[in-house]
């Protein structure tokens, strides 16, 4: 029987999964921006990134707000414990999110190439650091490094094997997801050479991320035994689904089937996040506080479920329509027209004389 506490925890973690998929694709684009090459060589890819994430990047971060509000309202004591222990990576992640957003906007209106380069470097670097620190927070929670009373060690709580590996996996997963999406976008817009270049990038990043995941299994077994037991038992089928999704994405990218590759990439990321949640269940703070123990007042929990239902009715269709528009032929035709002239969103071609 589903309790109200479990229902709220389920709704909260659904937001985590949505942020991992949608926000992850945003963050991962920064990795590809950072490694795109010089101004001339990287211009097509950077312009594609601007057109692909420009309409949705702010909307995707709604999920982070949703998760934080659900957490501090539904499970306030565990939230306080995490914030008073993990404030260093949290602040660094939030600074990264703010810097990447500001730089992404400022780069569009830069008047000179050096300004565009500066804001581009800040955007790309912040896009890599933010998911890394968010990943270390998840790893610290999953490895039982946040004490029930809070005020844990601000450094050893996340500078440890499991948090560092989850941070690295977070960066790799975001880059793989974004690369798959960008490859499909480039192919859909008729940019065959860019799609081929992104295809190779995505294959390399996907293989590297898979290797890091397998390497992480050894320290996690010893560093986070409770999580390990959950992953190897009740979460094993979900983790297997994630592995199949990742392998399927690599195969589809290799064979040039970019549209289906996006779906399998989403399955891979969503499944690995769901596996983490199932493996950690029933703990909010592993080995410290369970979902039932961390829950707030029952009336508060019921109110949260009502708010979630209302938000699903109001916000859900609006977000779905936004994503539909960005994939529509009209948007892609307009974007292609912009990208073929000097009126691209960041004017990279004009700045480098293309």
C-alpha atoms as a PDB file:
ATOM      1  CA  UNK A   1       0.000   0.000   0.000  1.00  0.00           C
ATOM      2  CA  UNK A   2       1.397   3.401  -0.995  1.00  0.00           C
ATOM      3  CA  UNK A   3       1.709   5.803   1.925  1.00  0.00           C
ATOM      4  CA  UNK A   4       1.483   9.565   1.548  1.00  0.00           C
ATOM      5  CA  UNK A   5       5.175   9.815   2.486  1.00  0.00           C
ATOM      6  CA  UNK A   6       6.143   7.401  -0.272  1.00  0.00           C
ATOM      7  CA  UNK A   7       3.923   9.252  -2.770  1.00  0.00           C
ATOM      8  CA  UNK A   8       5.669  12.541  -1.998  1.00  0.00           C
ATOM      9  CA  UNK A   9       9.098  10.892  -2.204  1.00  0.00           C
ATOM     10  CA  UNK A  10       8.101   9.367  -5.551  1.00  0.00           C
ATOM     11  CA  UNK A  11       6.954  12.756  -6.861  1.00  0.00           C
ATOM     12  CA  UNK A  12      10.181  14.356  -5.644  1.00  0.00           C
ATOM     13  CA  UNK A  13      12.374  11.748  -7.309  1.00  0.00           C
ATOM     14  CA  UNK A  14      10.381  12.008 -10.525  1.00  0.00           C
ATOM     15  CA  UNK A  15      11.552  15.626 -10.575  1.00  0.00           C
ATOM     16  CA  UNK A  16      15.138  14.456 -10.072  1.00  0.00           C
ATOM     17  CA  UNK A  17      14.820  12.177 -13.104  1.00  0.00           C
ATOM     18  CA  UNK A  18      13.303  14.953 -15.228  1.00  0.00           C
ATOM     19  CA  UNK A  19      16.118  17.316 -14.239  1.00  0.00           C
ATOM     20  CA  UNK A  20      18.723  14.657 -15.010  1.00  0.00           C
ATOM     21  CA  UNK A  21      17.318  14.135 -18.507  1.00  0.00           C
ATOM     22  CA  UNK A  22      16.304  17.661 -19.512  1.00  0.00           C
ATOM     23  CA  UNK A  23      18.785  19.694 -17.469  1.00  0.00           C
ATOM     24  CA  UNK A  24      21.452  17.092 -18.200  1.00  0.00           C
ATOM     25  CA  UNK A  25      21.134  17.650 -21.930  1.00  0.00           C
ATOM     26  CA  UNK A  26      21.573  21.380 -21.272  1.00  0.00           C
ATOM     27  CA  UNK A  27      24.669  20.903 -19.146  1.00  0.00           C
ATOM     28  CA  UNK A  28      26.158  18.425 -21.587  1.00  0.00           C
ATOM     29  CA  UNK A  29      25.969  20.935 -24.421  1.00  0.00           C
ATOM     30  CA  UNK A  30      28.523  22.992 -22.507  1.00  0.00           C
ATOM     31  CA  UNK A  31      30.995  20.115 -22.688  1.00  0.00           C
ATOM     32  CA  UNK A  32      30.685  20.034 -26.463  1.00  0.00           C
ATOM     33  CA  UNK A  33      30.950  23.830 -26.594  1.00  0.00           C
ATOM     34  CA  UNK A  34      34.123  23.685 -24.505  1.00  0.00           C
ATOM     35  CA  UNK A  35      35.727  21.076 -26.766  1.00  0.00           C
ATOM     36  CA  UNK A  36      34.404  22.403 -30.100  1.00  0.00           C
ATOM     37  CA  UNK A  37      37.761  23.878 -31.143  1.00  0.00           C
ATOM     38  CA  UNK A  38      38.778  27.387 -32.167  1.00  0.00           C
ATOM     39  CA  UNK A  39      36.451  30.159 -33.259  1.00  0.00           C
ATOM     40  CA  UNK A  40      36.344  29.153 -36.921  1.00  0.00           C
ATOM     41  CA  UNK A  41      36.269  25.373 -36.501  1.00  0.00           C
ATOM     42  CA  UNK A  42      33.826  25.472 -33.592  1.00  0.00           C
ATOM     43  CA  UNK A  43      31.425  28.020 -35.103  1.00  0.00           C
ATOM     44  CA  UNK A  44      28.919  25.536 -36.624  1.00  0.00           C
ATOM     45  CA  UNK A  45      28.700  23.466 -33.452  1.00  0.00           C
ATOM     46  CA  UNK A  46      28.373  26.470 -31.139  1.00  0.00           C
ATOM     47  CA  UNK A  47      25.656  27.963 -33.324  1.00  0.00           C
ATOM     48  CA  UNK A  48      23.812  24.630 -33.300  1.00  0.00           C
ATOM     49  CA  UNK A  49      24.054  24.539 -29.507  1.00  0.00           C
ATOM     50  CA  UNK A  50      22.572  28.017 -29.235  1.00  0.00           C
ATOM     51  CA  UNK A  51      19.658  27.117 -31.490  1.00  0.00           C
ATOM     52  CA  UNK A  52      19.054  23.767 -29.790  1.00  0.00           C
ATOM     53  CA  UNK A  53      19.026  24.832 -26.142  1.00  0.00           C
ATOM     54  CA  UNK A  54      18.143  28.523 -26.509  1.00  0.00           C
ATOM     55  CA  UNK A  55      14.346  28.103 -26.266  1.00  0.00           C
ATOM     56  CA  UNK A  56      14.365  25.550 -23.414  1.00  0.00           C
ATOM     57  CA  UNK A  57      17.388  26.011 -21.156  1.00  0.00           C
ATOM     58  CA  UNK A  58      15.578  28.181 -18.607  1.00  0.00           C
ATOM     59  CA  UNK A  59      12.513  25.941 -18.582  1.00  0.00           C
ATOM     60  CA  UNK A  60      14.645  22.874 -17.863  1.00  0.00           C
ATOM     61  CA  UNK A  61      15.930  24.331 -14.603  1.00  0.00           C
ATOM     62  CA  UNK A  62      12.391  24.583 -13.257  1.00  0.00           C
ATOM     63  CA  UNK A  63      12.914  20.980 -12.227  1.00  0.00           C
ATOM     64  CA  UNK A  64      15.725  21.921  -9.847  1.00  0.00           C
ATOM     65  CA  UNK A  65      13.460  24.442  -8.126  1.00  0.00           C
ATOM     66  CA  UNK A  66      10.727  21.814  -7.974  1.00  0.00           C
ATOM     67  CA  UNK A  67      13.052  19.270  -6.345  1.00  0.00           C
ATOM     68  CA  UNK A  68      14.412  21.690  -3.750  1.00  0.00           C
ATOM     69  CA  UNK A  69      10.942  22.973  -2.784  1.00  0.00           C
ATOM     70  CA  UNK A  70       9.550  19.438  -2.509  1.00  0.00           C
ATOM     71  CA  UNK A  71      12.528  18.343  -0.419  1.00  0.00           C
ATOM     72  CA  UNK A  72      12.579  21.171   2.110  1.00  0.00           C
ATOM     73  CA  UNK A  73       8.781  21.177   2.440  1.00  0.00           C
ATOM     74  CA  UNK A  74       8.172  17.434   2.575  1.00  0.00           C
ATOM     75  CA  UNK A  75      11.323  16.270   4.360  1.00  0.00           C
ATOM     76  CA  UNK A  76      12.601  19.384   6.146  1.00  0.00           C
ATOM     77  CA  UNK A  77      14.972  17.865   8.696  1.00  0.00           C
ATOM     78  CA  UNK A  78      16.836  15.795   6.112  1.00  0.00           C
ATOM     79  CA  UNK A  79      17.036  18.860   3.866  1.00  0.00           C
ATOM     80  CA  UNK A  80      18.558  20.894   6.697  1.00  0.00           C
ATOM     81  CA  UNK A  81      21.030  18.097   7.428  1.00  0.00           C
ATOM     82  CA  UNK A  82      22.133  17.951   3.798  1.00  0.00           C
ATOM     83  CA  UNK A  83      22.399  21.721   3.390  1.00  0.00           C
ATOM     84  CA  UNK A  84      24.475  22.190   6.557  1.00  0.00           C
ATOM     85  CA  UNK A  85      26.817  19.397   5.478  1.00  0.00           C
ATOM     86  CA  UNK A  86      27.044  19.717   1.700  1.00  0.00           C
ATOM     87  CA  UNK A  87      26.955  23.486   1.382  1.00  0.00           C
ATOM     88  CA  UNK A  88      30.333  23.636  -0.390  1.00  0.00           C
ATOM     89  CA  UNK A  89      29.382  21.571  -3.479  1.00  0.00           C
ATOM     90  CA  UNK A  90      25.867  23.040  -3.404  1.00  0.00           C
ATOM     91  CA  UNK A  91      27.132  26.631  -3.546  1.00  0.00           C
ATOM     92  CA  UNK A  92      29.651  25.726  -6.252  1.00  0.00           C
ATOM     93  CA  UNK A  93      26.908  24.045  -8.307  1.00  0.00           C
ATOM     94  CA  UNK A  94      24.564  27.011  -7.933  1.00  0.00           C
ATOM     95  CA  UNK A  95      27.322  29.470  -8.842  1.00  0.00           C
ATOM     96  CA  UNK A  96      28.000  27.370 -11.922  1.00  0.00           C
ATOM     97  CA  UNK A  97      24.326  27.419 -12.898  1.00  0.00           C
ATOM     98  CA  UNK A  98      24.138  31.203 -12.507  1.00  0.00           C
ATOM     99  CA  UNK A  99      27.376  31.827 -14.410  1.00  0.00           C
ATOM    100  CA  UNK A 100      26.440  29.531 -17.284  1.00  0.00           C
ATOM    101  CA  UNK A 101      23.049  31.197 -17.657  1.00  0.00           C
ATOM    102  CA  UNK A 102      24.435  34.716 -17.595  1.00  0.00           C
ATOM    103  CA  UNK A 103      27.289  33.869 -19.960  1.00  0.00           C
ATOM    104  CA  UNK A 104      24.989  32.058 -22.375  1.00  0.00           C
ATOM    105  CA  UNK A 105      22.842  35.188 -22.603  1.00  0.00           C
ATOM    106  CA  UNK A 106      25.734  37.668 -22.765  1.00  0.00           C
ATOM    107  CA  UNK A 107      27.534  35.703 -25.473  1.00  0.00           C
ATOM    108  CA  UNK A 108      24.614  36.239 -27.835  1.00  0.00           C
ATOM    109  CA  UNK A 109      25.051  40.004 -27.719  1.00  0.00           C
ATOM    110  CA  UNK A 110      28.815  40.294 -27.559  1.00  0.00           C
ATOM    111  CA  UNK A 111      30.122  42.944 -29.933  1.00  0.00           C
ATOM    112  CA  UNK A 112      33.606  41.512 -30.377  1.00  0.00           C
ATOM    113  CA  UNK A 113      35.111  38.075 -30.831  1.00  0.00           C
ATOM    114  CA  UNK A 114      37.148  38.221 -27.633  1.00  0.00           C
ATOM    115  CA  UNK A 115      34.021  38.991 -25.612  1.00  0.00           C
ATOM    116  CA  UNK A 116      32.213  36.071 -27.207  1.00  0.00           C
ATOM    117  CA  UNK A 117      35.191  33.838 -26.425  1.00  0.00           C
ATOM    118  CA  UNK A 118      35.281  34.973 -22.798  1.00  0.00           C
ATOM    119  CA  UNK A 119      31.585  34.401 -22.184  1.00  0.00           C
ATOM    120  CA  UNK A 120      31.768  31.163 -24.132  1.00  0.00           C
ATOM    121  CA  UNK A 121      34.545  29.834 -21.903  1.00  0.00           C
ATOM    122  CA  UNK A 122      32.601  30.760 -18.759  1.00  0.00           C
ATOM    123  CA  UNK A 123      29.433  29.149 -20.142  1.00  0.00           C
ATOM    124  CA  UNK A 124      31.181  25.949 -21.186  1.00  0.00           C
ATOM    125  CA  UNK A 125      33.319  25.559 -18.051  1.00  0.00           C
ATOM    126  CA  UNK A 126      30.364  26.226 -15.741  1.00  0.00           C
ATOM    127  CA  UNK A 127      28.301  23.702 -17.692  1.00  0.00           C
ATOM    128  CA  UNK A 128      30.846  21.022 -16.825  1.00  0.00           C
ATOM    129  CA  UNK A 129      31.444  21.999 -13.199  1.00  0.00           C
ATOM    130  CA  UNK A 130      27.765  22.373 -12.218  1.00  0.00           C
ATOM    131  CA  UNK A 131      26.750  18.747 -12.974  1.00  0.00           C
ATOM    132  CA  UNK A 132      29.969  17.518 -11.381  1.00  0.00           C
ATOM    133  CA  UNK A 133      29.150  19.165  -8.062  1.00  0.00           C
ATOM    134  CA  UNK A 134      25.495  18.123  -8.271  1.00  0.00           C
ATOM    135  CA  UNK A 135      26.731  14.580  -8.799  1.00  0.00           C
ATOM    136  CA  UNK A 136      28.966  14.741  -5.731  1.00  0.00           C
ATOM    137  CA  UNK A 137      25.935  15.786  -3.662  1.00  0.00           C
ATOM    138  CA  UNK A 138      24.037  12.730  -4.864  1.00  0.00           C
ATOM    139  CA  UNK A 139      27.020  10.520  -4.117  1.00  0.00           C
ATOM    140  CA  UNK A 140      27.421  11.933  -0.619  1.00  0.00           C
ATOM    141  CA  UNK A 141      23.760  11.261   0.167  1.00  0.00           C
ATOM    142  CA  UNK A 142      23.912   7.762  -1.305  1.00  0.00           C
ATOM    143  CA  UNK A 143      27.055   6.779   0.605  1.00  0.00           C
ATOM    144  CA  UNK A 144      25.708   7.803   4.012  1.00  0.00           C
ATOM    145  CA  UNK A 145      27.994  10.761   4.568  1.00  0.00           C
ATOM    146  CA  UNK A 146      25.301  13.162   5.767  1.00  0.00           C
ATOM    147  CA  UNK A 147      24.608  12.744   9.502  1.00  0.00           C
ATOM    148  CA  UNK A 148      21.032  12.893  10.754  1.00  0.00           C
ATOM    149  CA  UNK A 149      21.708  16.000  12.833  1.00  0.00           C
ATOM    150  CA  UNK A 150      23.484  17.808   9.997  1.00  0.00           C
ATOM    151  CA  UNK A 151      26.678  19.869  10.266  1.00  0.00           C
ATOM    152  CA  UNK A 152      28.785  17.037   8.918  1.00  0.00           C
ATOM    153  CA  UNK A 153      32.304  17.574   7.665  1.00  0.00           C
ATOM    154  CA  UNK A 154      32.044  20.081   4.788  1.00  0.00           C
ATOM    155  CA  UNK A 155      34.926  18.490   2.863  1.00  0.00           C
ATOM    156  CA  UNK A 156      35.206  14.759   3.552  1.00  0.00           C
ATOM    157  CA  UNK A 157      31.442  14.435   3.059  1.00  0.00           C
ATOM    158  CA  UNK A 158      31.886  14.839  -0.702  1.00  0.00           C
ATOM    159  CA  UNK A 159      35.621  14.529  -1.353  1.00  0.00           C
ATOM    160  CA  UNK A 160      35.406  10.740  -1.207  1.00  0.00           C
ATOM    161  CA  UNK A 161      35.357   7.867  -3.737  1.00  0.00           C
ATOM    162  CA  UNK A 162      31.605   7.495  -4.277  1.00  0.00           C
ATOM    163  CA  UNK A 163      30.805  11.245  -4.543  1.00  0.00           C
ATOM    164  CA  UNK A 164      33.729  11.892  -6.881  1.00  0.00           C
ATOM    165  CA  UNK A 165      32.788   8.989  -9.123  1.00  0.00           C
ATOM    166  CA  UNK A 166      29.145  10.048  -9.233  1.00  0.00           C
ATOM    167  CA  UNK A 167      30.305  13.555 -10.118  1.00  0.00           C
ATOM    168  CA  UNK A 168      32.388  12.230 -13.008  1.00  0.00           C
ATOM    169  CA  UNK A 169      29.549   9.973 -14.156  1.00  0.00           C
ATOM    170  CA  UNK A 170      27.179  12.950 -14.028  1.00  0.00           C
ATOM    171  CA  UNK A 171      29.420  14.960 -16.366  1.00  0.00           C
ATOM    172  CA  UNK A 172      29.874  12.040 -18.758  1.00  0.00           C
ATOM    173  CA  UNK A 173      26.173  11.205 -18.802  1.00  0.00           C
ATOM    174  CA  UNK A 174      25.227  14.806 -19.548  1.00  0.00           C
ATOM    175  CA  UNK A 175      27.786  15.023 -22.365  1.00  0.00           C
ATOM    176  CA  UNK A 176      26.605  11.729 -23.875  1.00  0.00           C
ATOM    177  CA  UNK A 177      22.948  12.736 -23.726  1.00  0.00           C
ATOM    178  CA  UNK A 178      23.632  16.174 -25.205  1.00  0.00           C
ATOM    179  CA  UNK A 179      25.853  14.738 -27.926  1.00  0.00           C
ATOM    180  CA  UNK A 180      23.127  12.321 -28.980  1.00  0.00           C
ATOM    181  CA  UNK A 181      20.528  15.096 -29.095  1.00  0.00           C
ATOM    182  CA  UNK A 182      22.819  17.457 -30.992  1.00  0.00           C
ATOM    183  CA  UNK A 183      23.725  14.775 -33.520  1.00  0.00           C
ATOM    184  CA  UNK A 184      20.047  14.235 -34.282  1.00  0.00           C
ATOM    185  CA  UNK A 185      19.460  17.999 -34.503  1.00  0.00           C
ATOM    186  CA  UNK A 186      22.338  18.471 -36.937  1.00  0.00           C
ATOM    187  CA  UNK A 187      21.142  15.604 -39.126  1.00  0.00           C
ATOM    188  CA  UNK A 188      17.565  16.881 -39.129  1.00  0.00           C
ATOM    189  CA  UNK A 189      18.772  20.314 -40.260  1.00  0.00           C
ATOM    190  CA  UNK A 190      20.769  18.884 -43.130  1.00  0.00           C
ATOM    191  CA  UNK A 191      24.220  19.503 -41.624  1.00  0.00           C
ATOM    192  CA  UNK A 192      25.668  16.120 -42.562  1.00  0.00           C
ATOM    193  CA  UNK A 193      29.320  16.926 -41.825  1.00  0.00           C
ATOM    194  CA  UNK A 194      28.501  18.335 -38.389  1.00  0.00           C
ATOM    195  CA  UNK A 195      26.285  15.342 -37.629  1.00  0.00           C
ATOM    196  CA  UNK A 196      29.133  12.991 -38.550  1.00  0.00           C
ATOM    197  CA  UNK A 197      31.517  14.909 -36.306  1.00  0.00           C
ATOM    198  CA  UNK A 198      29.068  14.853 -33.405  1.00  0.00           C
ATOM    199  CA  UNK A 199      28.390  11.159 -33.968  1.00  0.00           C
ATOM    200  CA  UNK A 200      32.054  10.340 -33.378  1.00  0.00           C
ATOM    201  CA  UNK A 201      32.148  12.595 -30.316  1.00  0.00           C
ATOM    202  CA  UNK A 202      29.071  10.925 -28.833  1.00  0.00           C
ATOM    203  CA  UNK A 203      30.436   7.443 -29.425  1.00  0.00           C
ATOM    204  CA  UNK A 204      33.709   8.313 -27.675  1.00  0.00           C
ATOM    205  CA  UNK A 205      31.988  10.048 -24.750  1.00  0.00           C
ATOM    206  CA  UNK A 206      29.502   7.195 -24.375  1.00  0.00           C
ATOM    207  CA  UNK A 207      32.217   4.552 -24.316  1.00  0.00           C
ATOM    208  CA  UNK A 208      34.286   6.581 -21.839  1.00  0.00           C
ATOM    209  CA  UNK A 209      31.304   7.139 -19.546  1.00  0.00           C
ATOM    210  CA  UNK A 210      30.498   3.432 -19.604  1.00  0.00           C
ATOM    211  CA  UNK A 211      34.082   2.662 -18.611  1.00  0.00           C
ATOM    212  CA  UNK A 212      33.852   5.115 -15.693  1.00  0.00           C
ATOM    213  CA  UNK A 213      30.592   3.503 -14.541  1.00  0.00           C
ATOM    214  CA  UNK A 214      32.189   0.063 -14.477  1.00  0.00           C
ATOM    215  CA  UNK A 215      35.286   1.441 -12.732  1.00  0.00           C
ATOM    216  CA  UNK A 216      33.060   3.039 -10.091  1.00  0.00           C
ATOM    217  CA  UNK A 217      31.533  -0.307  -9.102  1.00  0.00           C
ATOM    218  CA  UNK A 218      34.680  -1.346  -7.238  1.00  0.00           C
ATOM    219  CA  UNK A 219      34.928   1.613  -4.816  1.00  0.00           C
ATOM    220  CA  UNK A 220      31.135   1.862  -4.414  1.00  0.00           C
ATOM    221  CA  UNK A 221      30.975  -1.731  -3.164  1.00  0.00           C
ATOM    222  CA  UNK A 222      33.297  -0.857  -0.279  1.00  0.00           C
ATOM    223  CA  UNK A 223      32.520   2.837   0.164  1.00  0.00           C
ATOM    224  CA  UNK A 224      28.697   2.667  -0.027  1.00  0.00           C
ATOM    225  CA  UNK A 225      27.689  -0.892   0.963  1.00  0.00           C
ATOM    226  CA  UNK A 226      24.008  -0.070   1.555  1.00  0.00           C
ATOM    227  CA  UNK A 227      23.662   1.458  -1.909  1.00  0.00           C
ATOM    228  CA  UNK A 228      25.626  -1.418  -3.402  1.00  0.00           C
ATOM    229  CA  UNK A 229      23.303  -3.997  -1.886  1.00  0.00           C
ATOM    230  CA  UNK A 230      20.284  -2.150  -3.267  1.00  0.00           C
ATOM    231  CA  UNK A 231      21.803  -1.829  -6.734  1.00  0.00           C
ATOM    232  CA  UNK A 232      22.698  -5.515  -6.879  1.00  0.00           C
ATOM    233  CA  UNK A 233      19.269  -6.701  -5.698  1.00  0.00           C
ATOM    234  CA  UNK A 234      16.016  -4.799  -6.188  1.00  0.00           C
ATOM    235  CA  UNK A 235      17.496  -2.211  -8.569  1.00  0.00           C
ATOM    236  CA  UNK A 236      19.387  -4.734 -10.718  1.00  0.00           C
ATOM    237  CA  UNK A 237      16.715  -4.997 -13.474  1.00  0.00           C
ATOM    238  CA  UNK A 238      16.552  -1.203 -13.775  1.00  0.00           C
ATOM    239  CA  UNK A 239      20.324  -0.903 -13.976  1.00  0.00           C
ATOM    240  CA  UNK A 240      20.326  -3.622 -16.638  1.00  0.00           C
ATOM    241  CA  UNK A 241      17.763  -1.575 -18.581  1.00  0.00           C
ATOM    242  CA  UNK A 242      20.066   1.441 -18.310  1.00  0.00           C
ATOM    243  CA  UNK A 243      22.996  -0.582 -19.656  1.00  0.00           C
ATOM    244  CA  UNK A 244      20.879  -1.852 -22.552  1.00  0.00           C
ATOM    245  CA  UNK A 245      19.748   1.707 -23.270  1.00  0.00           C
ATOM    246  CA  UNK A 246      23.337   2.931 -23.353  1.00  0.00           C
ATOM    247  CA  UNK A 247      24.535   0.084 -25.576  1.00  0.00           C
ATOM    248  CA  UNK A 248      21.502   0.523 -27.827  1.00  0.00           C
ATOM    249  CA  UNK A 249      22.284   4.227 -28.185  1.00  0.00           C
ATOM    250  CA  UNK A 250      25.861   3.472 -29.216  1.00  0.00           C
ATOM    251  CA  UNK A 251      24.660   0.950 -31.788  1.00  0.00           C
ATOM    252  CA  UNK A 252      22.087   3.372 -33.210  1.00  0.00           C
ATOM    253  CA  UNK A 253      24.652   6.161 -33.400  1.00  0.00           C
ATOM    254  CA  UNK A 254      27.108   3.834 -35.110  1.00  0.00           C
ATOM    255  CA  UNK A 255      24.503   2.862 -37.722  1.00  0.00           C
ATOM    256  CA  UNK A 256      23.345   6.449 -38.252  1.00  0.00           C
ATOM    257  CA  UNK A 257      19.848   6.074 -36.775  1.00  0.00           C
ATOM    258  CA  UNK A 258      19.966   9.309 -34.823  1.00  0.00           C
ATOM    259  CA  UNK A 259      16.248   9.784 -34.126  1.00  0.00           C
ATOM    260  CA  UNK A 260      15.765   6.478 -32.248  1.00  0.00           C
ATOM    261  CA  UNK A 261      19.123   7.039 -30.524  1.00  0.00           C
ATOM    262  CA  UNK A 262      17.620  10.009 -28.661  1.00  0.00           C
ATOM    263  CA  UNK A 263      14.926   7.781 -27.167  1.00  0.00           C
ATOM    264  CA  UNK A 264      17.337   5.075 -26.038  1.00  0.00           C
ATOM    265  CA  UNK A 265      19.649   7.721 -24.553  1.00  0.00           C
ATOM    266  CA  UNK A 266      16.748   9.091 -22.501  1.00  0.00           C
ATOM    267  CA  UNK A 267      15.921   5.548 -21.361  1.00  0.00           C
ATOM    268  CA  UNK A 268      19.533   4.982 -20.323  1.00  0.00           C
ATOM    269  CA  UNK A 269      19.744   8.158 -18.246  1.00  0.00           C
ATOM    270  CA  UNK A 270      16.264   7.881 -16.735  1.00  0.00           C
ATOM    271  CA  UNK A 271      16.865   4.235 -15.830  1.00  0.00           C
ATOM    272  CA  UNK A 272      20.199   4.858 -14.126  1.00  0.00           C
ATOM    273  CA  UNK A 273      18.599   7.608 -12.040  1.00  0.00           C
ATOM    274  CA  UNK A 274      15.620   5.401 -11.205  1.00  0.00           C
ATOM    275  CA  UNK A 275      18.024   2.619 -10.286  1.00  0.00           C
ATOM    276  CA  UNK A 276      19.794   4.931  -7.870  1.00  0.00           C
ATOM    277  CA  UNK A 277      16.469   5.804  -6.222  1.00  0.00           C
ATOM    278  CA  UNK A 278      15.345   2.187  -5.950  1.00  0.00           C
ATOM    279  CA  UNK A 279      18.777   1.119  -4.715  1.00  0.00           C
ATOM    280  CA  UNK A 280      18.750   3.796  -2.012  1.00  0.00           C
ATOM    281  CA  UNK A 281      15.159   3.064  -0.913  1.00  0.00           C
ATOM    282  CA  UNK A 282      13.875   3.405   1.814  1.00  0.00           C
ATOM    283  CA  UNK A 283      16.503   5.939   2.905  1.00  0.00           C
ATOM    284  CA  UNK A 284      16.494   9.702   2.425  1.00  0.00           C
ATOM    285  CA  UNK A 285      19.848   9.962   4.191  1.00  0.00           C
ATOM    286  CA  UNK A 286      21.376   6.518   3.737  1.00  0.00           C
ATOM    287  CA  UNK A 287      21.879   4.601   6.993  1.00  0.00           C
ATOM    288  CA  UNK A 288      20.605   7.662   8.869  1.00  0.00           C
ATOM    289  CA  UNK A 289      16.996   8.639   8.116  1.00  0.00           C
ATOM    290  CA  UNK A 290      14.291   6.731   6.239  1.00  0.00           C
ATOM    291  CA  UNK A 291      11.473   8.229   4.172  1.00  0.00           C
ATOM    292  CA  UNK A 292       8.935   7.604   6.933  1.00  0.00           C
ATOM    293  CA  UNK A 293      11.191   9.122   9.599  1.00  0.00           C
ATOM    294  CA  UNK A 294      12.048  12.189   7.519  1.00  0.00           C
ATOM    295  CA  UNK A 295       8.493  13.041   6.474  1.00  0.00           C
ATOM    296  CA  UNK A 296       6.919  16.307   7.606  1.00  0.00           C
ATOM    297  CA  UNK A 297       3.400  16.808   8.912  1.00  0.00           C
ATOM    298  CA  UNK A 298       0.778  14.678   7.193  1.00  0.00           C
ATOM    299  CA  UNK A 299      -1.312  17.684   6.166  1.00  0.00           C
ATOM    300  CA  UNK A 300       1.768  19.229   4.582  1.00  0.00           C
ATOM    301  CA  UNK A 301       2.450  16.049   2.635  1.00  0.00           C
ATOM    302  CA  UNK A 302      -1.145  15.933   1.421  1.00  0.00           C
ATOM    303  CA  UNK A 303      -0.949  19.587   0.382  1.00  0.00           C
ATOM    304  CA  UNK A 304       2.210  18.845  -1.603  1.00  0.00           C
ATOM    305  CA  UNK A 305       0.471  16.080  -3.523  1.00  0.00           C
ATOM    306  CA  UNK A 306      -2.375  18.445  -4.381  1.00  0.00           C
ATOM    307  CA  UNK A 307       0.138  21.058  -5.564  1.00  0.00           C
ATOM    308  CA  UNK A 308       1.928  18.452  -7.687  1.00  0.00           C
ATOM    309  CA  UNK A 309      -1.355  17.407  -9.286  1.00  0.00           C
ATOM    310  CA  UNK A 310      -2.254  21.022 -10.096  1.00  0.00           C
ATOM    311  CA  UNK A 311       1.222  21.701 -11.495  1.00  0.00           C
ATOM    312  CA  UNK A 312       1.027  18.570 -13.648  1.00  0.00           C
ATOM    313  CA  UNK A 313      -2.218  19.829 -15.189  1.00  0.00           C
ATOM    314  CA  UNK A 314      -1.048  23.421 -15.709  1.00  0.00           C
ATOM    315  CA  UNK A 315       2.680  23.206 -16.317  1.00  0.00           C
ATOM    316  CA  UNK A 316       2.951  19.772 -17.917  1.00  0.00           C
ATOM    317  CA  UNK A 317       1.080  20.568 -21.153  1.00  0.00           C
ATOM    318  CA  UNK A 318       2.873  23.914 -21.494  1.00  0.00           C
ATOM    319  CA  UNK A 319       6.289  22.262 -21.260  1.00  0.00           C
ATOM    320  CA  UNK A 320       5.230  19.519 -23.659  1.00  0.00           C
ATOM    321  CA  UNK A 321       4.057  22.116 -26.175  1.00  0.00           C
ATOM    322  CA  UNK A 322       7.325  24.044 -25.829  1.00  0.00           C
ATOM    323  CA  UNK A 323       9.350  20.941 -26.623  1.00  0.00           C
ATOM    324  CA  UNK A 324       7.011  20.114 -29.496  1.00  0.00           C
ATOM    325  CA  UNK A 325       7.554  23.557 -30.998  1.00  0.00           C
ATOM    326  CA  UNK A 326      11.341  23.228 -30.829  1.00  0.00           C
ATOM    327  CA  UNK A 327      11.105  19.977 -32.791  1.00  0.00           C
ATOM    328  CA  UNK A 328       8.583  21.262 -35.328  1.00  0.00           C
ATOM    329  CA  UNK A 329       9.497  21.784 -39.018  1.00  0.00           C
ATOM    330  CA  UNK A 330       8.717  25.492 -38.761  1.00  0.00           C
ATOM    331  CA  UNK A 331      11.249  26.022 -35.955  1.00  0.00           C
ATOM    332  CA  UNK A 332      13.888  23.917 -37.672  1.00  0.00           C
ATOM    333  CA  UNK A 333      13.396  25.689 -41.005  1.00  0.00           C
ATOM    334  CA  UNK A 334      13.740  29.071 -39.306  1.00  0.00           C
ATOM    335  CA  UNK A 335      16.800  27.909 -37.387  1.00  0.00           C
ATOM    336  CA  UNK A 336      18.372  26.549 -40.553  1.00  0.00           C
ATOM    337  CA  UNK A 337      17.795  29.896 -42.254  1.00  0.00           C
ATOM    338  CA  UNK A 338      19.484  31.730 -39.418  1.00  0.00           C
ATOM    339  CA  UNK A 339      22.417  29.339 -39.362  1.00  0.00           C
ATOM    340  CA  UNK A 340      23.071  29.806 -43.061  1.00  0.00           C
ATOM    341  CA  UNK A 341      23.431  33.580 -42.723  1.00  0.00           C
ATOM    342  CA  UNK A 342      25.279  36.019 -40.511  1.00  0.00           C
ATOM    343  CA  UNK A 343      22.185  36.359 -38.316  1.00  0.00           C
ATOM    344  CA  UNK A 344      22.961  33.293 -36.209  1.00  0.00           C
ATOM    345  CA  UNK A 345      22.219  33.670 -32.523  1.00  0.00           C
ATOM    346  CA  UNK A 346      25.842  34.275 -31.536  1.00  0.00           C
ATOM    347  CA  UNK A 347      27.027  35.550 -34.949  1.00  0.00           C
ATOM    348  CA  UNK A 348      30.021  33.217 -34.822  1.00  0.00           C
ATOM    349  CA  UNK A 349      30.330  33.093 -38.599  1.00  0.00           C
ATOM    350  CA  UNK A 350      30.347  36.887 -38.926  1.00  0.00           C
ATOM    351  CA  UNK A 351      32.939  37.281 -36.160  1.00  0.00           C
ATOM    352  CA  UNK A 352      35.400  34.838 -37.656  1.00  0.00           C
ATOM    353  CA  UNK A 353      34.907  36.038 -41.182  1.00  0.00           C
ATOM    354  CA  UNK A 354      32.841  33.024 -42.331  1.00  0.00           C
END
